[in-house]
Amino acid sequence: MSRLLDVSGLVAGYGAVQVLQGLDLHVNDGEIAVILGANGAGKTTTMRAISGMIQRKGTITFDGRDITRTSPNEIVKMGIAQVPQGRGTFTDLTVAENLRAGAYSRKATSLDADLGEWYEIFPRLHERRDQKAGSLSGGEQQMLAIARAMMSKPRLLLCDEPSLGLAPIITQELFAILARLNADRGLSILVVEQNANLAIKIAHNVFVLETGTIVAAGTAAEIADDDSVRKAYLGY
């Protein structure tokens, strides 16, 4: 399996605060990778660094190209889209306008067909297509955030805490959709998540992050069988 994303020796933070301490991870083409870690471990910082939203050092390679110094806008055009923590929808825009905004980086030749596709996958978005995003429930906003990111037709989707603030049944629905996008489309996905039990069920590979460093890595089965990881993150 070829590596689509390869991160090596990643150092990043905010001002004088260095959060990531030489982080190494990868996402294979067509697979789901999950980063587990407690609050403050550096999970969101990792996603922001990959997306080019903060200063970083080390090497980030995507599809064989070094993107360490590439701007966020160019990174999206290259095929990486992010669903940020807290959804990040444009609350004053309608659902339809949010989805069209997600396609800003590509030529608008098939937007109507793409809108129809995501309305089919997320029927509630179709029902609320003329409503402002700020009026949606948390689960609906997360659906919108995923669909908006997918409107850019990415090869790699970054999802930062997709379960945050959502009811368990909605979380399960969203994770099932992520798994289906991977299985049906071959979409590569990197998920940051505190709900370890749910995330590990859809993962191919898992990375455990503590204080800015990867302390354990392996297949989902290997990580689930690791006593220390199981006790710390899976609760058994």
C-alpha atoms as a PDB file:
ATOM      1  CA  MET A   1       0.000   0.000   0.000  1.00  0.00           C
ATOM      2  CA  SER A   2       1.511   3.340  -1.048  1.00  0.00           C
ATOM      3  CA  ARG A   3       1.648   6.263   1.341  1.00  0.00           C
ATOM      4  CA  LEU A   4      -0.514   9.208   0.339  1.00  0.00           C
ATOM      5  CA  LEU A   5       0.498  11.390   3.291  1.00  0.00           C
ATOM      6  CA  ASP A   6       3.847  11.085   5.032  1.00  0.00           C
ATOM      7  CA  VAL A   7       4.714  13.295   8.007  1.00  0.00           C
ATOM      8  CA  SER A   8       8.239  13.167   9.387  1.00  0.00           C
ATOM      9  CA  GLY A   9       9.824  15.077  12.267  1.00  0.00           C
ATOM     10  CA  LEU A  10       6.929  17.548  12.431  1.00  0.00           C
ATOM     11  CA  VAL A  11       7.499  20.419  14.830  1.00  0.00           C
ATOM     12  CA  ALA A  12       4.739  23.023  15.235  1.00  0.00           C
ATOM     13  CA  GLY A  13       3.065  25.244  17.778  1.00  0.00           C
ATOM     14  CA  TYR A  14       1.852  28.740  18.523  1.00  0.00           C
ATOM     15  CA  GLY A  15       4.352  31.514  19.042  1.00  0.00           C
ATOM     16  CA  ALA A  16       6.884  30.420  21.627  1.00  0.00           C
ATOM     17  CA  VAL A  17       4.820  27.367  22.595  1.00  0.00           C
ATOM     18  CA  GLN A  18       6.016  24.249  20.776  1.00  0.00           C
ATOM     19  CA  VAL A  19       3.220  21.664  20.774  1.00  0.00           C
ATOM     20  CA  LEU A  20       4.484  18.995  18.365  1.00  0.00           C
ATOM     21  CA  GLN A  21       7.872  17.533  19.209  1.00  0.00           C
ATOM     22  CA  GLY A  22       9.046  15.779  16.041  1.00  0.00           C
ATOM     23  CA  LEU A  23       5.887  13.875  15.139  1.00  0.00           C
ATOM     24  CA  ASP A  24       5.897  11.015  12.592  1.00  0.00           C
ATOM     25  CA  LEU A  25       2.771   9.525  11.014  1.00  0.00           C
ATOM     26  CA  HIS A  26       1.375   8.470   7.665  1.00  0.00           C
ATOM     27  CA  VAL A  27      -1.865   7.763   5.835  1.00  0.00           C
ATOM     28  CA  ASN A  28      -1.867   5.052   3.195  1.00  0.00           C
ATOM     29  CA  ASP A  29      -3.723   5.586  -0.055  1.00  0.00           C
ATOM     30  CA  GLY A  30      -7.297   4.344   0.349  1.00  0.00           C
ATOM     31  CA  GLU A  31      -7.118   3.809   4.105  1.00  0.00           C
ATOM     32  CA  ILE A  32      -8.442   5.399   7.298  1.00  0.00           C
ATOM     33  CA  ALA A  33      -5.891   6.456   9.909  1.00  0.00           C
ATOM     34  CA  VAL A  34      -6.910   7.591  13.394  1.00  0.00           C
ATOM     35  CA  ILE A  35      -5.012   9.732  15.887  1.00  0.00           C
ATOM     36  CA  LEU A  36      -5.980   9.061  19.503  1.00  0.00           C
ATOM     37  CA  GLY A  37      -4.972  11.319  22.353  1.00  0.00           C
ATOM     38  CA  ALA A  38      -6.170  13.203  25.389  1.00  0.00           C
ATOM     39  CA  ASN A  39      -6.998  16.904  25.447  1.00  0.00           C
ATOM     40  CA  GLY A  40      -3.841  18.933  24.961  1.00  0.00           C
ATOM     41  CA  ALA A  41      -1.911  16.115  23.296  1.00  0.00           C
ATOM     42  CA  GLY A  42      -1.556  18.082  20.054  1.00  0.00           C
ATOM     43  CA  LYS A  43      -4.209  16.468  17.875  1.00  0.00           C
ATOM     44  CA  THR A  44      -5.735  19.675  16.484  1.00  0.00           C
ATOM     45  CA  THR A  45      -2.289  21.216  16.086  1.00  0.00           C
ATOM     46  CA  THR A  46      -1.329  18.221  13.944  1.00  0.00           C
ATOM     47  CA  MET A  47      -4.300  18.786  11.651  1.00  0.00           C
ATOM     48  CA  ARG A  48      -3.629  22.505  11.378  1.00  0.00           C
ATOM     49  CA  ALA A  49       0.006  21.868  10.551  1.00  0.00           C
ATOM     50  CA  ILE A  50      -0.876  19.396   7.788  1.00  0.00           C
ATOM     51  CA  SER A  51      -3.379  21.904   6.356  1.00  0.00           C
ATOM     52  CA  GLY A  52      -0.761  24.668   6.385  1.00  0.00           C
ATOM     53  CA  MET A  53      -2.660  26.822   8.857  1.00  0.00           C
ATOM     54  CA  ILE A  54       0.256  27.255  11.275  1.00  0.00           C
ATOM     55  CA  GLN A  55       4.030  27.484  10.975  1.00  0.00           C
ATOM     56  CA  ARG A  56       5.717  24.096  10.951  1.00  0.00           C
ATOM     57  CA  LYS A  57       9.081  22.420  10.517  1.00  0.00           C
ATOM     58  CA  GLY A  58       9.952  18.923   9.437  1.00  0.00           C
ATOM     59  CA  THR A  59       8.635  17.283   6.270  1.00  0.00           C
ATOM     60  CA  ILE A  60       5.053  16.815   5.091  1.00  0.00           C
ATOM     61  CA  THR A  61       4.729  14.914   1.817  1.00  0.00           C
ATOM     62  CA  PHE A  62       1.440  14.460  -0.026  1.00  0.00           C
ATOM     63  CA  ASP A  63       1.242  12.198  -3.068  1.00  0.00           C
ATOM     64  CA  GLY A  64       5.013  12.391  -3.375  1.00  0.00           C
ATOM     65  CA  ARG A  65       5.208  16.199  -3.199  1.00  0.00           C
ATOM     66  CA  ASP A  66       6.690  18.187  -0.326  1.00  0.00           C
ATOM     67  CA  ILE A  67       3.950  20.505   0.978  1.00  0.00           C
ATOM     68  CA  THR A  68       5.703  21.663   4.142  1.00  0.00           C
ATOM     69  CA  ARG A  69       5.823  25.258   2.922  1.00  0.00           C
ATOM     70  CA  THR A  70       2.686  25.190   0.785  1.00  0.00           C
ATOM     71  CA  SER A  71      -0.161  27.614   1.544  1.00  0.00           C
ATOM     72  CA  PRO A  72      -3.537  26.362   2.824  1.00  0.00           C
ATOM     73  CA  ASN A  73      -5.258  27.407  -0.397  1.00  0.00           C
ATOM     74  CA  GLU A  74      -2.825  25.431  -2.547  1.00  0.00           C
ATOM     75  CA  ILE A  75      -3.058  22.431  -0.228  1.00  0.00           C
ATOM     76  CA  VAL A  76      -6.830  22.318  -0.788  1.00  0.00           C
ATOM     77  CA  LYS A  77      -6.299  22.508  -4.558  1.00  0.00           C
ATOM     78  CA  MET A  78      -3.850  19.604  -4.307  1.00  0.00           C
ATOM     79  CA  GLY A  79      -6.531  17.415  -2.747  1.00  0.00           C
ATOM     80  CA  ILE A  80      -6.568  17.791   1.039  1.00  0.00           C
ATOM     81  CA  ALA A  81      -9.755  19.029   2.704  1.00  0.00           C
ATOM     82  CA  GLN A  82     -10.344  19.528   6.419  1.00  0.00           C
ATOM     83  CA  VAL A  83     -13.438  19.295   8.582  1.00  0.00           C
ATOM     84  CA  PRO A  84     -12.298  21.456  11.509  1.00  0.00           C
ATOM     85  CA  GLN A  85     -13.115  20.966  15.155  1.00  0.00           C
ATOM     86  CA  GLY A  86     -16.409  22.737  15.885  1.00  0.00           C
ATOM     87  CA  ARG A  87     -17.674  22.274  12.280  1.00  0.00           C
ATOM     88  CA  GLY A  88     -16.533  25.662  10.944  1.00  0.00           C
ATOM     89  CA  THR A  89     -19.650  26.255   8.852  1.00  0.00           C
ATOM     90  CA  PHE A  90     -20.525  29.725   7.588  1.00  0.00           C
ATOM     91  CA  THR A  91     -23.458  30.315   9.894  1.00  0.00           C
ATOM     92  CA  ASP A  92     -24.923  33.275   7.970  1.00  0.00           C
ATOM     93  CA  LEU A  93     -24.945  31.363   4.671  1.00  0.00           C
ATOM     94  CA  THR A  94     -27.547  28.803   3.694  1.00  0.00           C
ATOM     95  CA  VAL A  95     -26.812  25.112   3.457  1.00  0.00           C
ATOM     96  CA  ALA A  96     -26.656  25.347  -0.338  1.00  0.00           C
ATOM     97  CA  GLU A  97     -24.345  28.360  -0.202  1.00  0.00           C
ATOM     98  CA  ASN A  98     -22.030  26.558   2.221  1.00  0.00           C
ATOM     99  CA  LEU A  99     -21.807  23.589  -0.116  1.00  0.00           C
ATOM    100  CA  ARG A 100     -21.045  25.772  -3.127  1.00  0.00           C
ATOM    101  CA  ALA A 101     -18.376  27.548  -1.090  1.00  0.00           C
ATOM    102  CA  GLY A 102     -16.712  24.186  -0.554  1.00  0.00           C
ATOM    103  CA  ALA A 103     -16.097  23.921  -4.291  1.00  0.00           C
ATOM    104  CA  TYR A 104     -14.301  27.279  -4.591  1.00  0.00           C
ATOM    105  CA  SER A 105     -11.002  25.626  -5.505  1.00  0.00           C
ATOM    106  CA  ARG A 106     -12.317  23.774  -8.562  1.00  0.00           C
ATOM    107  CA  LYS A 107     -13.947  24.692 -11.835  1.00  0.00           C
ATOM    108  CA  ALA A 108     -17.713  24.988 -11.415  1.00  0.00           C
ATOM    109  CA  THR A 109     -18.704  22.552 -14.150  1.00  0.00           C
ATOM    110  CA  SER A 110     -20.735  19.993 -12.232  1.00  0.00           C
ATOM    111  CA  LEU A 111     -21.810  21.688  -9.014  1.00  0.00           C
ATOM    112  CA  ASP A 112     -25.508  20.927  -9.393  1.00  0.00           C
ATOM    113  CA  ALA A 113     -24.794  17.230  -9.830  1.00  0.00           C
ATOM    114  CA  ASP A 114     -22.445  17.287  -6.841  1.00  0.00           C
ATOM    115  CA  LEU A 115     -25.037  19.086  -4.721  1.00  0.00           C
ATOM    116  CA  GLY A 116     -27.580  16.422  -5.627  1.00  0.00           C
ATOM    117  CA  GLU A 117     -25.157  13.686  -4.657  1.00  0.00           C
ATOM    118  CA  TRP A 118     -24.573  15.123  -1.176  1.00  0.00           C
ATOM    119  CA  TYR A 119     -28.254  15.840  -0.683  1.00  0.00           C
ATOM    120  CA  GLU A 120     -28.834  12.146  -1.371  1.00  0.00           C
ATOM    121  CA  ILE A 121     -26.186  11.084   1.138  1.00  0.00           C
ATOM    122  CA  PHE A 122     -27.433  13.605   3.722  1.00  0.00           C
ATOM    123  CA  PRO A 123     -31.207  13.948   3.140  1.00  0.00           C
ATOM    124  CA  ARG A 124     -31.549  16.376   6.050  1.00  0.00           C
ATOM    125  CA  LEU A 125     -29.305  18.835   4.215  1.00  0.00           C
ATOM    126  CA  HIS A 126     -31.652  18.711   1.248  1.00  0.00           C
ATOM    127  CA  GLU A 127     -34.627  19.392   3.496  1.00  0.00           C
ATOM    128  CA  ARG A 128     -32.806  22.399   4.977  1.00  0.00           C
ATOM    129  CA  ARG A 129     -30.948  23.579   1.876  1.00  0.00           C
ATOM    130  CA  ASP A 130     -32.437  27.093   2.062  1.00  0.00           C
ATOM    131  CA  GLN A 131     -31.923  27.489   5.823  1.00  0.00           C
ATOM    132  CA  LYS A 132     -28.958  29.326   7.283  1.00  0.00           C
ATOM    133  CA  ALA A 133     -26.327  26.956   8.624  1.00  0.00           C
ATOM    134  CA  GLY A 134     -26.488  28.614  12.038  1.00  0.00           C
ATOM    135  CA  SER A 135     -30.049  27.358  12.491  1.00  0.00           C
ATOM    136  CA  LEU A 136     -29.074  23.687  12.098  1.00  0.00           C
ATOM    137  CA  SER A 137     -28.568  21.225  14.921  1.00  0.00           C
ATOM    138  CA  GLY A 138     -25.036  20.183  15.848  1.00  0.00           C
ATOM    139  CA  GLY A 139     -25.358  16.914  13.965  1.00  0.00           C
ATOM    140  CA  GLU A 140     -26.693  18.633  10.867  1.00  0.00           C
ATOM    141  CA  GLN A 141     -23.857  21.159  10.967  1.00  0.00           C
ATOM    142  CA  GLN A 142     -21.342  18.316  11.130  1.00  0.00           C
ATOM    143  CA  MET A 143     -22.998  16.668   8.136  1.00  0.00           C
ATOM    144  CA  LEU A 144     -22.785  19.982   6.320  1.00  0.00           C
ATOM    145  CA  ALA A 145     -19.106  20.380   7.238  1.00  0.00           C
ATOM    146  CA  ILE A 146     -18.287  16.944   5.822  1.00  0.00           C
ATOM    147  CA  ALA A 147     -20.308  17.511   2.643  1.00  0.00           C
ATOM    148  CA  ARG A 148     -18.786  20.962   2.155  1.00  0.00           C
ATOM    149  CA  ALA A 149     -15.273  19.541   2.455  1.00  0.00           C
ATOM    150  CA  MET A 150     -16.143  16.785  -0.011  1.00  0.00           C
ATOM    151  CA  MET A 151     -17.339  19.356  -2.545  1.00  0.00           C
ATOM    152  CA  SER A 152     -13.664  20.092  -3.227  1.00  0.00           C
ATOM    153  CA  LYS A 153     -13.276  16.446  -4.341  1.00  0.00           C
ATOM    154  CA  PRO A 154     -10.347  15.669  -2.027  1.00  0.00           C
ATOM    155  CA  ARG A 155      -8.148  12.608  -2.048  1.00  0.00           C
ATOM    156  CA  LEU A 156      -7.522  13.026   1.686  1.00  0.00           C
ATOM    157  CA  LEU A 157     -10.127  14.154   4.211  1.00  0.00           C
ATOM    158  CA  LEU A 158      -8.984  15.446   7.608  1.00  0.00           C
ATOM    159  CA  CYS A 159     -11.643  15.181  10.329  1.00  0.00           C
ATOM    160  CA  ASP A 160     -10.928  16.883  13.647  1.00  0.00           C
ATOM    161  CA  GLU A 161     -13.074  15.513  16.511  1.00  0.00           C
ATOM    162  CA  PRO A 162     -16.194  14.746  14.418  1.00  0.00           C
ATOM    163  CA  SER A 163     -18.058  13.421  17.477  1.00  0.00           C
ATOM    164  CA  LEU A 164     -17.545  16.567  19.580  1.00  0.00           C
ATOM    165  CA  GLY A 165     -20.801  17.639  21.235  1.00  0.00           C
ATOM    166  CA  LEU A 166     -22.974  15.146  19.359  1.00  0.00           C
ATOM    167  CA  ALA A 167     -25.420  12.549  20.627  1.00  0.00           C
ATOM    168  CA  PRO A 168     -24.117   8.961  20.393  1.00  0.00           C
ATOM    169  CA  ILE A 169     -26.619   7.943  17.713  1.00  0.00           C
ATOM    170  CA  ILE A 170     -25.606  10.879  15.487  1.00  0.00           C
ATOM    171  CA  THR A 171     -21.931  10.107  16.062  1.00  0.00           C
ATOM    172  CA  GLN A 172     -22.459   6.498  14.989  1.00  0.00           C
ATOM    173  CA  GLU A 173     -24.257   7.684  11.857  1.00  0.00           C
ATOM    174  CA  LEU A 174     -21.415  10.034  10.923  1.00  0.00           C
ATOM    175  CA  PHE A 175     -18.738   7.394  11.468  1.00  0.00           C
ATOM    176  CA  ALA A 176     -20.716   4.948   9.337  1.00  0.00           C
ATOM    177  CA  ILE A 177     -20.750   7.544   6.556  1.00  0.00           C
ATOM    178  CA  LEU A 178     -16.979   8.069   6.838  1.00  0.00           C
ATOM    179  CA  ALA A 179     -16.455   4.318   6.614  1.00  0.00           C
ATOM    180  CA  ARG A 180     -18.726   4.168   3.557  1.00  0.00           C
ATOM    181  CA  LEU A 181     -16.872   7.018   1.827  1.00  0.00           C
ATOM    182  CA  ASN A 182     -13.662   5.089   2.342  1.00  0.00           C
ATOM    183  CA  ALA A 183     -15.070   1.748   1.197  1.00  0.00           C
ATOM    184  CA  ASP A 184     -17.083   3.009  -1.780  1.00  0.00           C
ATOM    185  CA  ARG A 185     -14.807   5.778  -3.065  1.00  0.00           C
ATOM    186  CA  GLY A 186     -11.394   4.773  -1.819  1.00  0.00           C
ATOM    187  CA  LEU A 187     -11.223   8.090   0.040  1.00  0.00           C
ATOM    188  CA  SER A 188      -8.253   8.352   2.380  1.00  0.00           C
ATOM    189  CA  ILE A 189      -9.210   9.781   5.772  1.00  0.00           C
ATOM    190  CA  LEU A 190      -7.254  10.998   8.804  1.00  0.00           C
ATOM    191  CA  VAL A 191      -9.448  11.252  11.897  1.00  0.00           C
ATOM    192  CA  VAL A 192      -8.577  12.896  15.206  1.00  0.00           C
ATOM    193  CA  GLU A 193     -10.911  11.560  17.862  1.00  0.00           C
ATOM    194  CA  GLN A 194     -11.357  11.125  21.615  1.00  0.00           C
ATOM    195  CA  ASN A 195     -14.088   8.497  21.178  1.00  0.00           C
ATOM    196  CA  ALA A 196     -11.481   5.779  20.778  1.00  0.00           C
ATOM    197  CA  ASN A 197     -13.848   2.816  20.817  1.00  0.00           C
ATOM    198  CA  LEU A 198     -15.824   4.125  17.865  1.00  0.00           C
ATOM    199  CA  ALA A 199     -12.872   5.478  15.889  1.00  0.00           C
ATOM    200  CA  ILE A 200     -10.833   2.312  16.126  1.00  0.00           C
ATOM    201  CA  LYS A 201     -13.689   0.308  14.584  1.00  0.00           C
ATOM    202  CA  ILE A 202     -13.357   2.131  11.255  1.00  0.00           C
ATOM    203  CA  ALA A 203      -9.549   2.523  11.306  1.00  0.00           C
ATOM    204  CA  HIS A 204      -6.929   0.637   9.368  1.00  0.00           C
ATOM    205  CA  ASN A 205      -4.028   2.226  11.252  1.00  0.00           C
ATOM    206  CA  VAL A 206      -3.915   4.027  14.595  1.00  0.00           C
ATOM    207  CA  PHE A 207      -1.449   6.513  16.077  1.00  0.00           C
ATOM    208  CA  VAL A 208      -1.449   7.391  19.773  1.00  0.00           C
ATOM    209  CA  LEU A 209      -0.346  10.943  20.513  1.00  0.00           C
ATOM    210  CA  GLU A 210       0.920  12.170  23.886  1.00  0.00           C
ATOM    211  CA  THR A 211       2.410  15.617  24.523  1.00  0.00           C
ATOM    212  CA  GLY A 212       3.222  16.194  20.882  1.00  0.00           C
ATOM    213  CA  THR A 213       4.834  12.836  20.162  1.00  0.00           C
ATOM    214  CA  ILE A 214       3.559   9.547  18.750  1.00  0.00           C
ATOM    215  CA  VAL A 215       4.032   6.967  21.522  1.00  0.00           C
ATOM    216  CA  ALA A 216       2.342   3.991  19.847  1.00  0.00           C
ATOM    217  CA  ALA A 217       1.415   3.099  16.276  1.00  0.00           C
ATOM    218  CA  GLY A 218       0.111   0.069  14.459  1.00  0.00           C
ATOM    219  CA  THR A 219      -2.893  -1.505  12.822  1.00  0.00           C
ATOM    220  CA  ALA A 220      -6.237  -1.094  14.545  1.00  0.00           C
ATOM    221  CA  ALA A 221      -6.037  -4.709  15.736  1.00  0.00           C
ATOM    222  CA  GLU A 222      -2.516  -4.253  17.108  1.00  0.00           C
ATOM    223  CA  ILE A 223      -3.442  -1.095  19.007  1.00  0.00           C
ATOM    224  CA  ALA A 224      -6.618  -2.695  20.373  1.00  0.00           C
ATOM    225  CA  ASP A 225      -4.495  -5.556  21.705  1.00  0.00           C
ATOM    226  CA  ASP A 226      -1.964  -3.249  23.369  1.00  0.00           C
ATOM    227  CA  ASP A 227      -2.665  -3.440  27.116  1.00  0.00           C
ATOM    228  CA  SER A 228      -1.477   0.068  27.947  1.00  0.00           C
ATOM    229  CA  VAL A 229      -3.400   1.679  25.085  1.00  0.00           C
ATOM    230  CA  ARG A 230      -6.496  -0.388  25.782  1.00  0.00           C
ATOM    231  CA  LYS A 231      -6.589   0.655  29.431  1.00  0.00           C
ATOM    232  CA  ALA A 232      -5.843   4.306  28.735  1.00  0.00           C
ATOM    233  CA  TYR A 233      -8.123   4.892  25.740  1.00  0.00           C
ATOM    234  CA  LEU A 234     -10.531   1.995  25.317  1.00  0.00           C
ATOM    235  CA  GLY A 235     -11.547   1.600  28.950  1.00  0.00           C
ATOM    236  CA  TYR A 236     -11.028  -2.142  29.374  1.00  0.00           C
END
